[in-house]
Amino acid sequence: MRHFIFGIGILLLLSFYLPIPPYQELNHVKIIDQIGLDCGKNSYTLYLREIKPNKENQEVEYQYQYYQKKSSSLSILSSYLEEKPFFFNHTKNILTNCEKETIEKLFPSFSNKIKMTEKDIKKEFQ
């Protein structure tokens, strides 16, 4: 019985020291439904399309906001995606003219949503 109480005490003590993740307000999360990645000679351009639903009179209208980030390396783009509150579970597809391996480095869980194109990504995206 003494060991049981000691174990419970240790668990309670540890619970005070474990970090609690910060609360993220749902209105501040950016829901991304389409991604574009344009590969140049020495640069990468990332395009993101955010869904902004507006509810009026029992109907939902969707507006879109576009983000563009240009970089010379994929690691900078990866850190950009991690520091912003982006939500990618509603992403429909990824338009790209890069090699598939390059995309899978940046988005490893979206390999089935990659759509290759030879057209201009920016024109296709908007």
N, C-alpha and C. Protein backbone atom coordinates (compact mmCIF):
# COMPACT_ATOMS: atom_id res chain seq x y z
N MET A 1 0.83 -1.19 0.00
CA MET A 1 0.00 0.00 0.00
C MET A 1 0.87 1.25 0.00
N ARG A 2 1.98 1.17 0.72
CA ARG A 2 2.87 2.31 0.79
C ARG A 2 3.50 2.60 -0.57
N HIS A 3 3.81 1.54 -1.34
CA HIS A 3 4.38 1.71 -2.68
C HIS A 3 3.37 2.35 -3.63
N PHE A 4 2.12 1.97 -3.47
CA PHE A 4 1.06 2.53 -4.31
C PHE A 4 0.92 4.04 -4.08
N ILE A 5 0.90 4.45 -2.83
CA ILE A 5 0.78 5.87 -2.48
C ILE A 5 2.03 6.63 -2.95
N PHE A 6 3.19 6.00 -2.81
CA PHE A 6 4.44 6.62 -3.28
C PHE A 6 4.41 6.80 -4.80
N GLY A 7 3.90 5.82 -5.53
CA GLY A 7 3.79 5.91 -6.99
C GLY A 7 2.84 7.01 -7.42
N ILE A 8 1.71 7.12 -6.75
CA ILE A 8 0.75 8.19 -7.05
C ILE A 8 1.38 9.55 -6.76
N GLY A 9 2.12 9.65 -5.68
CA GLY A 9 2.79 10.91 -5.34
C GLY A 9 3.82 11.31 -6.38
N ILE A 10 4.58 10.36 -6.89
CA ILE A 10 5.57 10.63 -7.94
C ILE A 10 4.86 11.10 -9.22
N LEU A 11 3.76 10.44 -9.59
CA LEU A 11 3.01 10.86 -10.78
C LEU A 11 2.46 12.27 -10.63
N LEU A 12 1.94 12.59 -9.48
CA LEU A 12 1.44 13.95 -9.25
C LEU A 12 2.56 14.97 -9.31
N LEU A 13 3.70 14.64 -8.75
CA LEU A 13 4.85 15.52 -8.78
C LEU A 13 5.35 15.75 -10.21
N LEU A 14 5.38 14.70 -11.00
CA LEU A 14 5.80 14.83 -12.40
C LEU A 14 4.81 15.65 -13.21
N SER A 15 3.54 15.55 -12.89
CA SER A 15 2.53 16.29 -13.65
C SER A 15 2.70 17.80 -13.51
N PHE A 16 3.29 18.24 -12.44
CA PHE A 16 3.53 19.68 -12.27
C PHE A 16 4.71 20.16 -13.12
N TYR A 17 5.60 19.28 -13.49
CA TYR A 17 6.79 19.66 -14.24
C TYR A 17 6.67 19.45 -15.74
N LEU A 18 5.68 18.69 -16.19
CA LEU A 18 5.51 18.46 -17.62
C LEU A 18 4.94 19.72 -18.27
N PRO A 19 5.50 20.11 -19.41
CA PRO A 19 5.00 21.33 -20.06
C PRO A 19 3.62 21.11 -20.68
N ILE A 20 2.80 22.11 -20.59
CA ILE A 20 1.47 22.08 -21.19
C ILE A 20 1.58 22.86 -22.50
N PRO A 21 1.17 22.27 -23.63
CA PRO A 21 1.29 22.99 -24.90
C PRO A 21 0.41 24.23 -24.89
N PRO A 22 0.87 25.29 -25.56
CA PRO A 22 0.08 26.53 -25.58
C PRO A 22 -1.24 26.34 -26.33
N TYR A 23 -2.24 27.02 -25.86
CA TYR A 23 -3.56 26.94 -26.49
C TYR A 23 -3.53 27.68 -27.81
N GLN A 24 -4.06 27.06 -28.86
CA GLN A 24 -4.13 27.68 -30.19
C GLN A 24 -5.59 27.97 -30.51
N GLU A 25 -5.93 29.23 -30.61
CA GLU A 25 -7.30 29.63 -30.94
C GLU A 25 -7.63 29.14 -32.35
N LEU A 26 -8.78 28.51 -32.52
CA LEU A 26 -9.15 27.95 -33.82
C LEU A 26 -9.34 29.03 -34.89
N ASN A 27 -9.69 30.22 -34.50
CA ASN A 27 -9.85 31.29 -35.47
C ASN A 27 -8.52 31.77 -36.03
N HIS A 28 -7.42 31.40 -35.40
CA HIS A 28 -6.11 31.84 -35.86
C HIS A 28 -5.41 30.78 -36.70
N VAL A 29 -6.01 29.62 -36.85
CA VAL A 29 -5.42 28.57 -37.66
C VAL A 29 -5.77 28.82 -39.12
N LYS A 30 -4.80 28.70 -39.99
CA LYS A 30 -5.01 28.92 -41.42
C LYS A 30 -5.22 27.56 -42.10
N ILE A 31 -6.44 27.35 -42.63
CA ILE A 31 -6.79 26.10 -43.28
C ILE A 31 -6.37 26.19 -44.74
N ILE A 32 -5.41 25.36 -45.13
CA ILE A 32 -4.85 25.38 -46.48
C ILE A 32 -5.51 24.29 -47.31
N ASP A 33 -6.06 24.66 -48.49
CA ASP A 33 -6.70 23.66 -49.33
C ASP A 33 -5.92 23.36 -50.61
N GLN A 34 -4.96 24.21 -50.95
CA GLN A 34 -4.16 23.94 -52.14
C GLN A 34 -2.74 24.46 -51.93
N ILE A 35 -1.79 23.68 -52.41
CA ILE A 35 -0.38 24.03 -52.28
C ILE A 35 0.25 24.00 -53.67
N GLY A 36 1.13 24.95 -53.93
CA GLY A 36 1.90 24.96 -55.17
C GLY A 36 3.36 25.13 -54.86
N LEU A 37 4.21 24.41 -55.58
CA LEU A 37 5.65 24.54 -55.39
C LEU A 37 6.28 24.64 -56.76
N ASP A 38 6.92 25.78 -57.02
CA ASP A 38 7.57 26.05 -58.29
C ASP A 38 9.08 25.95 -58.08
N CYS A 39 9.71 25.08 -58.84
CA CYS A 39 11.16 24.89 -58.72
C CYS A 39 11.86 25.62 -59.87
N GLY A 40 12.68 26.59 -59.50
CA GLY A 40 13.49 27.30 -60.48
C GLY A 40 14.88 26.71 -60.51
N LYS A 41 15.81 27.44 -61.14
CA LYS A 41 17.19 26.94 -61.22
C LYS A 41 17.84 26.90 -59.84
N ASN A 42 17.77 28.01 -59.12
CA ASN A 42 18.38 28.07 -57.79
C ASN A 42 17.41 28.54 -56.73
N SER A 43 16.12 28.40 -56.98
CA SER A 43 15.14 28.89 -56.01
C SER A 43 13.87 28.04 -56.04
N TYR A 44 13.14 28.15 -54.95
CA TYR A 44 11.84 27.48 -54.81
C TYR A 44 10.83 28.53 -54.41
N THR A 45 9.64 28.47 -55.01
CA THR A 45 8.56 29.37 -54.63
C THR A 45 7.39 28.52 -54.16
N LEU A 46 6.93 28.81 -52.95
CA LEU A 46 5.82 28.08 -52.34
C LEU A 46 4.58 28.95 -52.39
N TYR A 47 3.49 28.39 -52.88
CA TYR A 47 2.19 29.07 -52.93
C TYR A 47 1.22 28.30 -52.05
N LEU A 48 0.48 29.00 -51.23
CA LEU A 48 -0.53 28.39 -50.36
C LEU A 48 -1.85 29.13 -50.55
N ARG A 49 -2.94 28.39 -50.61
CA ARG A 49 -4.27 29.00 -50.69
C ARG A 49 -5.05 28.64 -49.44
N GLU A 50 -5.42 29.67 -48.68
CA GLU A 50 -6.15 29.50 -47.43
C GLU A 50 -7.65 29.66 -47.68
N ILE A 51 -8.43 28.80 -47.06
CA ILE A 51 -9.90 28.91 -47.11
C ILE A 51 -10.34 29.79 -45.95
N LYS A 52 -11.19 30.77 -46.26
CA LYS A 52 -11.78 31.61 -45.21
C LYS A 52 -13.30 31.54 -45.35
N PRO A 53 -13.96 30.68 -44.57
CA PRO A 53 -15.41 30.59 -44.68
C PRO A 53 -16.10 31.77 -43.99
N ASN A 54 -17.10 32.30 -44.65
CA ASN A 54 -17.94 33.36 -44.09
C ASN A 54 -19.37 32.87 -44.06
N LYS A 55 -19.97 32.89 -42.88
CA LYS A 55 -21.34 32.39 -42.73
C LYS A 55 -22.29 33.58 -42.68
N GLU A 56 -23.19 33.60 -43.66
CA GLU A 56 -24.21 34.65 -43.71
C GLU A 56 -25.54 34.03 -44.11
N ASN A 57 -26.58 34.31 -43.33
CA ASN A 57 -27.94 33.85 -43.63
C ASN A 57 -28.01 32.35 -43.93
N GLN A 58 -27.49 31.55 -43.07
CA GLN A 58 -27.52 30.09 -43.17
C GLN A 58 -26.74 29.54 -44.37
N GLU A 59 -25.97 30.37 -45.07
CA GLU A 59 -25.15 29.91 -46.18
C GLU A 59 -23.69 30.22 -45.87
N VAL A 60 -22.83 29.39 -46.37
CA VAL A 60 -21.40 29.59 -46.16
C VAL A 60 -20.77 29.96 -47.49
N GLU A 61 -20.13 31.10 -47.51
CA GLU A 61 -19.38 31.54 -48.68
C GLU A 61 -17.90 31.42 -48.36
N TYR A 62 -17.14 30.99 -49.35
CA TYR A 62 -15.71 30.81 -49.14
C TYR A 62 -14.93 31.90 -49.86
N GLN A 63 -14.02 32.50 -49.13
CA GLN A 63 -13.08 33.43 -49.72
C GLN A 63 -11.70 32.82 -49.57
N TYR A 64 -10.79 33.24 -50.41
CA TYR A 64 -9.45 32.67 -50.38
C TYR A 64 -8.42 33.76 -50.16
N GLN A 65 -7.41 33.40 -49.42
CA GLN A 65 -6.26 34.28 -49.23
C GLN A 65 -5.04 33.50 -49.68
N TYR A 66 -4.15 34.18 -50.41
CA TYR A 66 -2.98 33.52 -50.99
C TYR A 66 -1.71 33.95 -50.27
N TYR A 67 -0.82 32.99 -50.09
CA TYR A 67 0.48 33.24 -49.49
C TYR A 67 1.55 32.79 -50.48
N GLN A 68 2.62 33.55 -50.55
CA GLN A 68 3.73 33.20 -51.43
C GLN A 68 5.03 33.39 -50.67
N LYS A 69 5.90 32.41 -50.75
CA LYS A 69 7.20 32.47 -50.08
C LYS A 69 8.25 31.95 -51.04
N LYS A 70 9.28 32.75 -51.28
CA LYS A 70 10.36 32.36 -52.18
C LYS A 70 11.62 32.14 -51.35
N SER A 71 12.36 31.09 -51.70
CA SER A 71 13.55 30.75 -50.94
C SER A 71 14.55 30.03 -51.83
N SER A 72 15.79 29.99 -51.37
CA SER A 72 16.82 29.28 -52.13
C SER A 72 16.99 27.84 -51.66
N SER A 73 16.34 27.47 -50.56
CA SER A 73 16.46 26.09 -50.09
C SER A 73 15.14 25.59 -49.52
N LEU A 74 14.97 24.29 -49.55
CA LEU A 74 13.76 23.67 -49.01
C LEU A 74 13.70 23.73 -47.49
N SER A 75 14.85 23.78 -46.84
CA SER A 75 14.85 23.82 -45.37
C SER A 75 14.27 25.13 -44.86
N ILE A 76 14.49 26.23 -45.58
CA ILE A 76 13.90 27.51 -45.18
C ILE A 76 12.39 27.47 -45.36
N LEU A 77 11.92 26.87 -46.46
CA LEU A 77 10.47 26.74 -46.67
C LEU A 77 9.86 25.83 -45.62
N SER A 78 10.55 24.79 -45.25
CA SER A 78 10.06 23.87 -44.22
C SER A 78 9.92 24.57 -42.87
N SER A 79 10.90 25.39 -42.52
CA SER A 79 10.82 26.12 -41.25
C SER A 79 9.70 27.17 -41.30
N TYR A 80 9.45 27.76 -42.48
CA TYR A 80 8.34 28.71 -42.64
C TYR A 80 7.00 28.01 -42.38
N LEU A 81 6.85 26.80 -42.88
CA LEU A 81 5.60 26.06 -42.69
C LEU A 81 5.41 25.64 -41.24
N GLU A 82 6.50 25.39 -40.53
CA GLU A 82 6.40 24.97 -39.14
C GLU A 82 6.13 26.12 -38.18
N GLU A 83 6.57 27.32 -38.52
CA GLU A 83 6.39 28.44 -37.59
C GLU A 83 5.02 29.10 -37.70
N LYS A 84 4.34 28.91 -38.79
CA LYS A 84 3.00 29.49 -38.97
C LYS A 84 1.94 28.47 -38.56
N PRO A 85 0.76 28.94 -38.13
CA PRO A 85 -0.30 27.99 -37.73
C PRO A 85 -1.11 27.47 -38.92
N PHE A 86 -0.44 26.74 -39.83
CA PHE A 86 -1.12 26.18 -40.99
C PHE A 86 -1.72 24.83 -40.64
N PHE A 87 -2.89 24.55 -41.21
CA PHE A 87 -3.60 23.29 -41.02
C PHE A 87 -3.78 22.65 -42.40
N PHE A 88 -3.14 21.51 -42.63
CA PHE A 88 -3.08 20.91 -43.96
C PHE A 88 -4.01 19.72 -44.15
N ASN A 89 -4.86 19.40 -43.22
CA ASN A 89 -5.72 18.22 -43.36
C ASN A 89 -6.78 18.37 -44.45
N HIS A 90 -7.08 19.59 -44.88
CA HIS A 90 -8.07 19.81 -45.94
C HIS A 90 -7.42 20.06 -47.30
N THR A 91 -6.14 19.81 -47.41
CA THR A 91 -5.43 20.04 -48.67
C THR A 91 -5.90 19.03 -49.72
N LYS A 92 -6.32 19.57 -50.88
CA LYS A 92 -6.82 18.72 -51.95
C LYS A 92 -5.70 18.20 -52.83
N ASN A 93 -4.78 19.10 -53.21
CA ASN A 93 -3.68 18.66 -54.08
C ASN A 93 -2.48 19.60 -53.95
N ILE A 94 -1.38 19.12 -54.48
CA ILE A 94 -0.14 19.89 -54.52
C ILE A 94 0.27 19.99 -55.98
N LEU A 95 0.23 21.20 -56.53
CA LEU A 95 0.66 21.43 -57.90
C LEU A 95 2.15 21.73 -57.91
N THR A 96 2.89 21.08 -58.80
CA THR A 96 4.33 21.30 -58.82
C THR A 96 4.92 20.98 -60.17
N ASN A 97 6.08 21.56 -60.41
CA ASN A 97 6.87 21.19 -61.57
C ASN A 97 8.22 20.63 -61.12
N CYS A 98 8.32 20.29 -59.84
CA CYS A 98 9.55 19.74 -59.26
C CYS A 98 9.53 18.22 -59.37
N GLU A 99 10.65 17.62 -59.00
CA GLU A 99 10.71 16.16 -58.93
C GLU A 99 9.88 15.70 -57.73
N LYS A 100 9.33 14.52 -57.84
CA LYS A 100 8.46 14.00 -56.78
C LYS A 100 9.20 13.83 -55.46
N GLU A 101 10.48 13.48 -55.52
CA GLU A 101 11.27 13.30 -54.30
C GLU A 101 11.43 14.62 -53.55
N THR A 102 11.53 15.72 -54.28
CA THR A 102 11.66 17.04 -53.66
C THR A 102 10.41 17.37 -52.87
N ILE A 103 9.24 17.10 -53.45
CA ILE A 103 7.97 17.37 -52.78
C ILE A 103 7.80 16.48 -51.56
N GLU A 104 8.19 15.23 -51.68
CA GLU A 104 8.02 14.30 -50.57
C GLU A 104 8.91 14.65 -49.39
N LYS A 105 10.00 15.38 -49.62
CA LYS A 105 10.83 15.86 -48.52
C LYS A 105 10.09 16.93 -47.72
N LEU A 106 9.38 17.80 -48.43
CA LEU A 106 8.69 18.90 -47.78
C LEU A 106 7.33 18.47 -47.21
N PHE A 107 6.62 17.60 -47.93
CA PHE A 107 5.30 17.11 -47.51
C PHE A 107 5.28 15.58 -47.56
N PRO A 108 5.86 14.91 -46.59
CA PRO A 108 5.96 13.44 -46.66
C PRO A 108 4.63 12.71 -46.60
N SER A 109 3.63 13.29 -46.00
CA SER A 109 2.34 12.57 -45.86
C SER A 109 1.37 12.85 -47.00
N PHE A 110 1.78 13.63 -48.00
CA PHE A 110 0.88 13.98 -49.10
C PHE A 110 1.34 13.43 -50.44
N SER A 111 2.02 12.30 -50.46
CA SER A 111 2.56 11.78 -51.71
C SER A 111 1.46 11.39 -52.70
N ASN A 112 0.28 11.04 -52.22
CA ASN A 112 -0.81 10.67 -53.13
C ASN A 112 -1.56 11.89 -53.68
N LYS A 113 -1.27 13.09 -53.20
CA LYS A 113 -1.97 14.29 -53.66
C LYS A 113 -1.12 15.15 -54.59
N ILE A 114 0.05 14.67 -54.97
CA ILE A 114 0.95 15.44 -55.82
C ILE A 114 0.48 15.36 -57.26
N LYS A 115 0.34 16.54 -57.90
CA LYS A 115 -0.04 16.61 -59.31
C LYS A 115 1.06 17.36 -60.05
N MET A 116 1.71 16.66 -60.95
CA MET A 116 2.80 17.24 -61.72
C MET A 116 2.23 18.03 -62.89
N THR A 117 2.85 19.17 -63.20
CA THR A 117 2.44 19.98 -64.33
C THR A 117 3.65 20.69 -64.91
N GLU A 118 3.58 20.98 -66.19
CA GLU A 118 4.64 21.75 -66.85
C GLU A 118 4.22 23.20 -67.04
N LYS A 119 2.99 23.53 -66.68
CA LYS A 119 2.47 24.88 -66.84
C LYS A 119 2.99 25.79 -65.72
N ASP A 120 2.73 27.06 -65.86
CA ASP A 120 3.14 28.03 -64.85
C ASP A 120 2.31 27.81 -63.58
N ILE A 121 2.99 27.53 -62.49
CA ILE A 121 2.31 27.19 -61.23
C ILE A 121 1.47 28.36 -60.72
N LYS A 122 2.00 29.57 -60.83
CA LYS A 122 1.28 30.74 -60.31
C LYS A 122 -0.03 30.96 -61.06
N LYS A 123 -0.04 30.78 -62.36
CA LYS A 123 -1.28 30.94 -63.14
C LYS A 123 -2.26 29.81 -62.86
N GLU A 124 -1.76 28.60 -62.71
CA GLU A 124 -2.61 27.46 -62.39
C GLU A 124 -3.18 27.54 -61.00
N PHE A 125 -2.43 28.18 -60.13
CA PHE A 125 -2.80 28.22 -58.71
C PHE A 125 -3.96 29.16 -58.46
N GLN A 126 -3.97 30.29 -59.11
CA GLN A 126 -5.01 31.28 -58.87
C GLN A 126 -6.05 31.15 -59.92
